[in-house]
């Protein structure tokens, strides 16, 4: 769920509110019950968790050729390791 930033037009109170995207914007300040407006925010930043997409799925080998996730190699590819 995104976090929306609001500002009260009466008392100037700034606050953030976690709402679903389908929820209607609120219209009253929780501090003074004055009218509020929803501000245009920068949104949330991306959060990368784990070891990373590039390093685990599409990392190039020393020869500069890449194979996708779970790939054991291309048929006839000179970059595929032979056991």
PDB file of N, CA and C in Angstrom:
ATOM      1  N   UNK A   1       0.845  -1.188   0.000  1.00  0.00           N
ATOM      2  CA  UNK A   1       0.000   0.000   0.000  1.00  0.00           C
ATOM      3  C   UNK A   1       0.882   1.241   0.000  1.00  0.00           C
ATOM      4  N   UNK A   2       0.506   2.228  -0.777  1.00  0.00           N
ATOM      5  CA  UNK A   2       1.301   3.455  -0.822  1.00  0.00           C
ATOM      6  C   UNK A   2       1.027   4.370   0.375  1.00  0.00           C
ATOM      7  N   UNK A   3       1.990   5.208   0.651  1.00  0.00           N
ATOM      8  CA  UNK A   3       1.857   6.218   1.696  1.00  0.00           C
ATOM      9  C   UNK A   3       1.594   7.557   1.029  1.00  0.00           C
ATOM     10  N   UNK A   4       0.542   8.232   1.450  1.00  0.00           N
ATOM     11  CA  UNK A   4       0.184   9.533   0.895  1.00  0.00           C
ATOM     12  C   UNK A   4       0.489  10.627   1.903  1.00  0.00           C
ATOM     13  N   UNK A   5       0.922  11.764   1.406  1.00  0.00           N
ATOM     14  CA  UNK A   5       1.254  12.907   2.261  1.00  0.00           C
ATOM     15  C   UNK A   5       0.117  13.922   2.165  1.00  0.00           C
ATOM     16  N   UNK A   6      -0.292  14.410   3.318  1.00  0.00           N
ATOM     17  CA  UNK A   6      -1.376  15.387   3.404  1.00  0.00           C
ATOM     18  C   UNK A   6      -0.901  16.634   4.144  1.00  0.00           C
ATOM     19  N   UNK A   7      -1.603  17.761   3.877  1.00  0.00           N
ATOM     20  CA  UNK A   7      -1.350  19.014   4.594  1.00  0.00           C
ATOM     21  C   UNK A   7      -2.692  19.649   4.923  1.00  0.00           C
ATOM     22  N   UNK A   8      -2.839  20.082   6.169  1.00  0.00           N
ATOM     23  CA  UNK A   8      -4.058  20.755   6.599  1.00  0.00           C
ATOM     24  C   UNK A   8      -4.016  22.216   6.144  1.00  0.00           C
ATOM     25  N   UNK A   9      -5.086  22.667   5.525  1.00  0.00           N
ATOM     26  CA  UNK A   9      -5.159  24.054   5.054  1.00  0.00           C
ATOM     27  C   UNK A   9      -5.461  25.021   6.194  1.00  0.00           C
ATOM     28  N   UNK A  10      -5.966  24.511   7.306  1.00  0.00           N
ATOM     29  CA  UNK A  10      -6.329  25.362   8.446  1.00  0.00           C
ATOM     30  C   UNK A  10      -5.166  25.548   9.420  1.00  0.00           C
ATOM     31  N   UNK A  11      -4.570  24.431   9.880  1.00  0.00           N
ATOM     32  CA  UNK A  11      -3.522  24.527  10.908  1.00  0.00           C
ATOM     33  C   UNK A  11      -2.118  24.260  10.366  1.00  0.00           C
ATOM     34  N   UNK A  12      -2.000  23.815   9.105  1.00  0.00           N
ATOM     35  CA  UNK A  12      -0.697  23.569   8.509  1.00  0.00           C
ATOM     36  C   UNK A  12      -0.054  22.240   8.893  1.00  0.00           C
ATOM     37  N   UNK A  13      -0.799  21.381   9.579  1.00  0.00           N
ATOM     38  CA  UNK A  13      -0.287  20.076  10.016  1.00  0.00           C
ATOM     39  C   UNK A  13       0.034  19.200   8.801  1.00  0.00           C
ATOM     40  N   UNK A  14       1.263  18.663   8.764  1.00  0.00           N
ATOM     41  CA  UNK A  14       1.689  17.726   7.713  1.00  0.00           C
ATOM     42  C   UNK A  14       1.663  16.327   8.302  1.00  0.00           C
ATOM     43  N   UNK A  15       1.116  15.374   7.559  1.00  0.00           N
ATOM     44  CA  UNK A  15       1.101  13.997   8.029  1.00  0.00           C
ATOM     45  C   UNK A  15       1.061  13.043   6.846  1.00  0.00           C
ATOM     46  N   UNK A  16       1.494  11.820   7.099  1.00  0.00           N
ATOM     47  CA  UNK A  16       1.488  10.756   6.102  1.00  0.00           C
ATOM     48  C   UNK A  16       0.432   9.743   6.492  1.00  0.00           C
ATOM     49  N   UNK A  17      -0.175   9.137   5.477  1.00  0.00           N
ATOM     50  CA  UNK A  17      -1.219   8.157   5.730  1.00  0.00           C
ATOM     51  C   UNK A  17      -1.049   6.983   4.777  1.00  0.00           C
ATOM     52  N   UNK A  18      -1.025   5.781   5.329  1.00  0.00           N
ATOM     53  CA  UNK A  18      -0.923   4.568   4.542  1.00  0.00           C
ATOM     54  C   UNK A  18      -2.332   4.175   4.107  1.00  0.00           C
ATOM     55  N   UNK A  19      -2.582   4.218   2.785  1.00  0.00           N
ATOM     56  CA  UNK A  19      -3.902   3.918   2.252  1.00  0.00           C
ATOM     57  C   UNK A  19      -3.777   3.017   1.036  1.00  0.00           C
ATOM     58  N   UNK A  20      -4.821   2.257   0.754  1.00  0.00           N
ATOM     59  CA  UNK A  20      -4.817   1.483  -0.483  1.00  0.00           C
ATOM     60  C   UNK A  20      -5.046   2.453  -1.641  1.00  0.00           C
ATOM     61  N   UNK A  21      -4.660   2.014  -2.821  1.00  0.00           N
ATOM     62  CA  UNK A  21      -4.803   2.886  -3.987  1.00  0.00           C
ATOM     63  C   UNK A  21      -6.273   3.124  -4.326  1.00  0.00           C
ATOM     64  N   UNK A  22      -7.152   2.217  -3.933  1.00  0.00           N
ATOM     65  CA  UNK A  22      -8.576   2.347  -4.221  1.00  0.00           C
ATOM     66  C   UNK A  22      -9.301   3.240  -3.202  1.00  0.00           C
ATOM     67  N   UNK A  23      -8.665   3.536  -2.069  1.00  0.00           N
ATOM     68  CA  UNK A  23      -9.297   4.345  -1.025  1.00  0.00           C
ATOM     69  C   UNK A  23      -9.410   5.803  -1.465  1.00  0.00           C
ATOM     70  N   UNK A  24     -10.501   6.429  -1.069  1.00  0.00           N
ATOM     71  CA  UNK A  24     -10.689   7.850  -1.372  1.00  0.00           C
ATOM     72  C   UNK A  24      -9.781   8.679  -0.467  1.00  0.00           C
ATOM     73  N   UNK A  25      -9.255   9.806  -0.975  1.00  0.00           N
ATOM     74  CA  UNK A  25      -8.437  10.683  -0.124  1.00  0.00           C
ATOM     75  C   UNK A  25      -9.265  11.197   1.052  1.00  0.00           C
ATOM     76  N   UNK A  26      -8.614  11.350   2.202  1.00  0.00           N
ATOM     77  CA  UNK A  26      -9.348  11.888   3.354  1.00  0.00           C
ATOM     78  C   UNK A  26      -9.551  13.386   3.152  1.00  0.00           C
ATOM     79  N   UNK A  27     -10.521  13.959   3.864  1.00  0.00           N
ATOM     80  CA  UNK A  27     -10.795  15.387   3.682  1.00  0.00           C
ATOM     81  C   UNK A  27     -10.726  16.193   4.972  1.00  0.00           C
ATOM     82  N   UNK A  28     -10.471  15.525   6.113  1.00  0.00           N
ATOM     83  CA  UNK A  28     -10.400  16.238   7.387  1.00  0.00           C
ATOM     84  C   UNK A  28      -9.093  15.942   8.102  1.00  0.00           C
ATOM     85  N   UNK A  29      -8.529  16.975   8.705  1.00  0.00           N
ATOM     86  CA  UNK A  29      -7.291  16.872   9.469  1.00  0.00           C
ATOM     87  C   UNK A  29      -7.544  16.103  10.766  1.00  0.00           C
ATOM     88  N   UNK A  30      -6.680  15.141  11.098  1.00  0.00           N
ATOM     89  CA  UNK A  30      -6.867  14.404  12.355  1.00  0.00           C
ATOM     90  C   UNK A  30      -6.564  15.249  13.597  1.00  0.00           C
ATOM     91  N   UNK A  31      -5.907  16.392  13.407  1.00  0.00           N
ATOM     92  CA  UNK A  31      -5.530  17.252  14.533  1.00  0.00           C
ATOM     93  C   UNK A  31      -6.605  18.293  14.842  1.00  0.00           C
ATOM     94  N   UNK A  32      -7.107  18.977  13.788  1.00  0.00           N
ATOM     95  CA  UNK A  32      -8.059  20.070  14.036  1.00  0.00           C
ATOM     96  C   UNK A  32      -9.370  19.917  13.270  1.00  0.00           C
ATOM     97  N   UNK A  33      -9.541  18.871  12.511  1.00  0.00           N
ATOM     98  CA  UNK A  33     -10.689  18.590  11.648  1.00  0.00           C
ATOM     99  C   UNK A  33     -10.884  19.612  10.526  1.00  0.00           C
ATOM    100  N   UNK A  34      -9.838  20.387  10.243  1.00  0.00           N
ATOM    101  CA  UNK A  34      -9.887  21.322   9.120  1.00  0.00           C
ATOM    102  C   UNK A  34      -9.736  20.573   7.801  1.00  0.00           C
ATOM    103  N   UNK A  35      -9.932  21.292   6.699  1.00  0.00           N
ATOM    104  CA  UNK A  35      -9.836  20.693   5.375  1.00  0.00           C
ATOM    105  C   UNK A  35      -8.375  20.406   5.032  1.00  0.00           C
ATOM    106  N   UNK A  36      -8.127  19.246   4.401  1.00  0.00           N
ATOM    107  CA  UNK A  36      -6.769  18.873   4.015  1.00  0.00           C
ATOM    108  C   UNK A  36      -6.673  18.708   2.502  1.00  0.00           C
ATOM    109  N   UNK A  37      -5.442  18.801   2.015  1.00  0.00           N
ATOM    110  CA  UNK A  37      -5.191  18.486   0.612  1.00  0.00           C
ATOM    111  C   UNK A  37      -4.095  17.436   0.552  1.00  0.00           C
ATOM    112  N   UNK A  38      -4.207  16.550  -0.437  1.00  0.00           N
ATOM    113  CA  UNK A  38      -3.183  15.517  -0.618  1.00  0.00           C
ATOM    114  C   UNK A  38      -2.089  16.110  -1.496  1.00  0.00           C
ATOM    115  N   UNK A  39      -0.860  15.996  -1.031  1.00  0.00           N
ATOM    116  CA  UNK A  39       0.279  16.565  -1.733  1.00  0.00           C
ATOM    117  C   UNK A  39       0.826  15.570  -2.754  1.00  0.00           C
ATOM    118  N   UNK A  40       1.459  16.096  -3.763  1.00  0.00           N
ATOM    119  CA  UNK A  40       2.119  15.253  -4.745  1.00  0.00           C
ATOM    120  C   UNK A  40       3.475  14.913  -4.177  1.00  0.00           C
ATOM    121  N   UNK A  41       3.681  13.645  -3.892  1.00  0.00           N
ATOM    122  CA  UNK A  41       4.924  13.208  -3.276  1.00  0.00           C
ATOM    123  C   UNK A  41       5.843  12.561  -4.288  1.00  0.00           C
ATOM    124  N   UNK A  42       7.021  12.250  -3.833  1.00  0.00           N
ATOM    125  CA  UNK A  42       7.998  11.599  -4.692  1.00  0.00           C
ATOM    126  C   UNK A  42       7.759  10.100  -4.765  1.00  0.00           C
ATOM    127  N   UNK A  43       6.835   9.596  -3.984  1.00  0.00           N
ATOM    128  CA  UNK A  43       6.573   8.164  -3.979  1.00  0.00           C
ATOM    129  C   UNK A  43       7.609   7.444  -3.154  1.00  0.00           C
ATOM    130  N   UNK A  44       7.518   6.161  -3.157  1.00  0.00           N
ATOM    131  CA  UNK A  44       8.483   5.386  -2.381  1.00  0.00           C
ATOM    132  C   UNK A  44       9.599   4.906  -3.280  1.00  0.00           C
ATOM    133  N   UNK A  45      10.746   4.718  -2.704  1.00  0.00           N
ATOM    134  CA  UNK A  45      11.884   4.220  -3.460  1.00  0.00           C
ATOM    135  C   UNK A  45      11.803   2.716  -3.635  1.00  0.00           C
ATOM    136  N   UNK A  46      12.523   2.215  -4.578  1.00  0.00           N
ATOM    137  CA  UNK A  46      12.584   0.778  -4.782  1.00  0.00           C
ATOM    138  C   UNK A  46      13.403   0.144  -3.674  1.00  0.00           C
ATOM    139  N   UNK A  47      12.977  -1.011  -3.248  1.00  0.00           N
ATOM    140  CA  UNK A  47      13.697  -1.741  -2.218  1.00  0.00           C
ATOM    141  C   UNK A  47      14.135  -3.067  -2.818  1.00  0.00           C
ATOM    142  N   UNK A  48      15.432  -3.271  -2.885  1.00  0.00           N
ATOM    143  CA  UNK A  48      15.966  -4.520  -3.395  1.00  0.00           C
ATOM    144  C   UNK A  48      16.360  -5.392  -2.215  1.00  0.00           C
ATOM    145  N   UNK A  49      15.804  -6.596  -2.158  1.00  0.00           N
ATOM    146  CA  UNK A  49      16.128  -7.524  -1.081  1.00  0.00           C
ATOM    147  C   UNK A  49      16.778  -8.755  -1.675  1.00  0.00           C
ATOM    148  N   UNK A  50      17.580  -9.410  -0.915  1.00  0.00           N
ATOM    149  CA  UNK A  50      18.217 -10.632  -1.379  1.00  0.00           C
ATOM    150  C   UNK A  50      19.562 -10.345  -2.031  1.00  0.00           C
ATOM    151  N   UNK A  51      20.009 -11.312  -2.801  1.00  0.00           N
ATOM    152  CA  UNK A  51      21.339 -11.199  -3.404  1.00  0.00           C
ATOM    153  C   UNK A  51      21.343 -10.373  -4.671  1.00  0.00           C
ATOM    154  N   UNK A  52      20.187 -10.116  -5.255  1.00  0.00           N
ATOM    155  CA  UNK A  52      20.116  -9.252  -6.423  1.00  0.00           C
ATOM    156  C   UNK A  52      19.778 -10.001  -7.685  1.00  0.00           C
ATOM    157  N   UNK A  53      19.003  -9.384  -8.524  1.00  0.00           N
ATOM    158  CA  UNK A  53      18.546  -9.992  -9.770  1.00  0.00           C
ATOM    159  C   UNK A  53      19.708 -10.251 -10.714  1.00  0.00           C
ATOM    160  N   UNK A  54      20.542  -9.265 -10.935  1.00  0.00           N
ATOM    161  CA  UNK A  54      21.633  -9.396 -11.900  1.00  0.00           C
ATOM    162  C   UNK A  54      22.620 -10.476 -11.476  1.00  0.00           C
ATOM    163  N   UNK A  55      23.005 -10.475 -10.224  1.00  0.00           N
ATOM    164  CA  UNK A  55      24.032 -11.407  -9.756  1.00  0.00           C
ATOM    165  C   UNK A  55      23.541 -12.848  -9.754  1.00  0.00           C
ATOM    166  N   UNK A  56      22.256 -13.062  -9.607  1.00  0.00           N
ATOM    167  CA  UNK A  56      21.760 -14.434  -9.513  1.00  0.00           C
ATOM    168  C   UNK A  56      21.137 -14.946 -10.801  1.00  0.00           C
ATOM    169  N   UNK A  57      20.677 -14.078 -11.679  1.00  0.00           N
ATOM    170  CA  UNK A  57      19.935 -14.541 -12.840  1.00  0.00           C
ATOM    171  C   UNK A  57      20.605 -14.317 -14.193  1.00  0.00           C
ATOM    172  N   UNK A  58      21.225 -13.196 -14.399  1.00  0.00           N
ATOM    173  CA  UNK A  58      21.756 -12.898 -15.716  1.00  0.00           C
ATOM    174  C   UNK A  58      23.185 -12.381 -15.674  1.00  0.00           C
ATOM    175  N   UNK A  59      23.960 -12.875 -14.780  1.00  0.00           N
ATOM    176  CA  UNK A  59      25.341 -12.441 -14.669  1.00  0.00           C
ATOM    177  C   UNK A  59      26.152 -13.014 -15.825  1.00  0.00           C
ATOM    178  N   UNK A  60      26.968 -12.176 -16.421  1.00  0.00           N
ATOM    179  CA  UNK A  60      27.815 -12.633 -17.519  1.00  0.00           C
ATOM    180  C   UNK A  60      28.990 -13.424 -16.969  1.00  0.00           C
ATOM    181  N   UNK A  61      29.357 -14.471 -17.690  1.00  0.00           N
ATOM    182  CA  UNK A  61      30.521 -15.236 -17.262  1.00  0.00           C
ATOM    183  C   UNK A  61      31.786 -14.549 -17.774  1.00  0.00           C
ATOM    184  N   UNK A  62      32.918 -15.110 -17.506  1.00  0.00           N
ATOM    185  CA  UNK A  62      34.190 -14.476 -17.874  1.00  0.00           C
ATOM    186  C   UNK A  62      34.337 -14.257 -19.369  1.00  0.00           C
ATOM    187  N   UNK A  63      33.677 -15.079 -20.181  1.00  0.00           N
ATOM    188  CA  UNK A  63      33.764 -14.932 -21.622  1.00  0.00           C
ATOM    189  C   UNK A  63      32.881 -13.815 -22.157  1.00  0.00           C
ATOM    190  N   UNK A  64      32.078 -13.186 -21.299  1.00  0.00           N
ATOM    191  CA  UNK A  64      31.229 -12.081 -21.717  1.00  0.00           C
ATOM    192  C   UNK A  64      29.895 -12.535 -22.290  1.00  0.00           C
ATOM    193  N   UNK A  65      29.637 -13.842 -22.276  1.00  0.00           N
ATOM    194  CA  UNK A  65      28.392 -14.382 -22.799  1.00  0.00           C
ATOM    195  C   UNK A  65      27.486 -14.685 -21.619  1.00  0.00           C
ATOM    196  N   UNK A  66      26.206 -14.345 -21.714  1.00  0.00           N
ATOM    197  CA  UNK A  66      25.307 -14.606 -20.588  1.00  0.00           C
ATOM    198  C   UNK A  66      24.316 -15.702 -20.932  1.00  0.00           C
ATOM    199  N   UNK A  67      23.938 -16.444 -19.907  1.00  0.00           N
ATOM    200  CA  UNK A  67      22.897 -17.454 -20.012  1.00  0.00           C
ATOM    201  C   UNK A  67      21.858 -17.113 -18.970  1.00  0.00           C
ATOM    202  N   UNK A  68      20.581 -17.278 -19.296  1.00  0.00           N
ATOM    203  CA  UNK A  68      19.497 -16.939 -18.378  1.00  0.00           C
ATOM    204  C   UNK A  68      19.456 -17.847 -17.167  1.00  0.00           C
ATOM    205  N   UNK A  69      18.556 -17.528 -16.243  1.00  0.00           N
ATOM    206  CA  UNK A  69      18.401 -18.275 -15.002  1.00  0.00           C
ATOM    207  C   UNK A  69      18.028 -19.717 -15.279  1.00  0.00           C
ATOM    208  N   UNK A  70      18.715 -20.644 -14.637  1.00  0.00           N
ATOM    209  CA  UNK A  70      18.402 -22.048 -14.769  1.00  0.00           C
ATOM    210  C   UNK A  70      18.915 -22.669 -16.055  1.00  0.00           C
ATOM    211  N   UNK A  71      19.611 -21.897 -16.858  1.00  0.00           N
ATOM    212  CA  UNK A  71      20.099 -22.408 -18.128  1.00  0.00           C
ATOM    213  C   UNK A  71      21.407 -23.142 -17.935  1.00  0.00           C
ATOM    214  N   UNK A  72      21.512 -24.333 -18.518  1.00  0.00           N
ATOM    215  CA  UNK A  72      22.770 -25.074 -18.441  1.00  0.00           C
ATOM    216  C   UNK A  72      23.636 -24.783 -19.653  1.00  0.00           C
ATOM    217  N   UNK A  73      23.137 -23.958 -20.539  1.00  0.00           N
ATOM    218  CA  UNK A  73      23.913 -23.567 -21.704  1.00  0.00           C
ATOM    219  C   UNK A  73      23.117 -23.694 -22.976  1.00  0.00           C
ATOM    220  N   UNK A  74      23.650 -23.128 -24.031  1.00  0.00           N
ATOM    221  CA  UNK A  74      23.031 -23.198 -25.343  1.00  0.00           C
ATOM    222  C   UNK A  74      23.579 -24.415 -26.068  1.00  0.00           C
ATOM    223  N   UNK A  75      22.767 -25.053 -26.855  1.00  0.00           N
ATOM    224  CA  UNK A  75      23.239 -26.186 -27.637  1.00  0.00           C
ATOM    225  C   UNK A  75      24.282 -25.703 -28.626  1.00  0.00           C
ATOM    226  N   UNK A  76      25.474 -26.252 -28.557  1.00  0.00           N
ATOM    227  CA  UNK A  76      26.549 -25.861 -29.466  1.00  0.00           C
ATOM    228  C   UNK A  76      27.216 -24.554 -29.146  1.00  0.00           C
ATOM    229  N   UNK A  77      26.924 -23.964 -27.983  1.00  0.00           N
ATOM    230  CA  UNK A  77      27.509 -22.677 -27.611  1.00  0.00           C
ATOM    231  C   UNK A  77      28.960 -22.886 -27.151  1.00  0.00           C
ATOM    232  N   UNK A  78      29.904 -22.144 -27.701  1.00  0.00           N
ATOM    233  CA  UNK A  78      31.301 -22.306 -27.304  1.00  0.00           C
ATOM    234  C   UNK A  78      31.566 -21.832 -25.873  1.00  0.00           C
ATOM    235  N   UNK A  79      30.637 -21.080 -25.272  1.00  0.00           N
ATOM    236  CA  UNK A  79      30.833 -20.566 -23.921  1.00  0.00           C
ATOM    237  C   UNK A  79      30.318 -21.518 -22.848  1.00  0.00           C
ATOM    238  N   UNK A  80      29.631 -22.588 -23.236  1.00  0.00           N
ATOM    239  CA  UNK A  80      29.076 -23.544 -22.284  1.00  0.00           C
ATOM    240  C   UNK A  80      30.188 -24.440 -21.756  1.00  0.00           C
ATOM    241  N   UNK A  81      30.233 -24.587 -20.426  1.00  0.00           N
ATOM    242  CA  UNK A  81      31.235 -25.452 -19.819  1.00  0.00           C
ATOM    243  C   UNK A  81      30.935 -26.909 -20.123  1.00  0.00           C
ATOM    244  N   UNK A  82      31.936 -27.660 -20.432  1.00  0.00           N
ATOM    245  CA  UNK A  82      31.800 -29.096 -20.670  1.00  0.00           C
ATOM    246  C   UNK A  82      32.300 -29.837 -19.446  1.00  0.00           C
ATOM    247  N   UNK A  83      31.535 -30.827 -18.996  1.00  0.00           N
ATOM    248  CA  UNK A  83      31.937 -31.601 -17.814  1.00  0.00           C
ATOM    249  C   UNK A  83      32.819 -32.768 -18.180  1.00  0.00           C
TER     250      UNK A  83
END
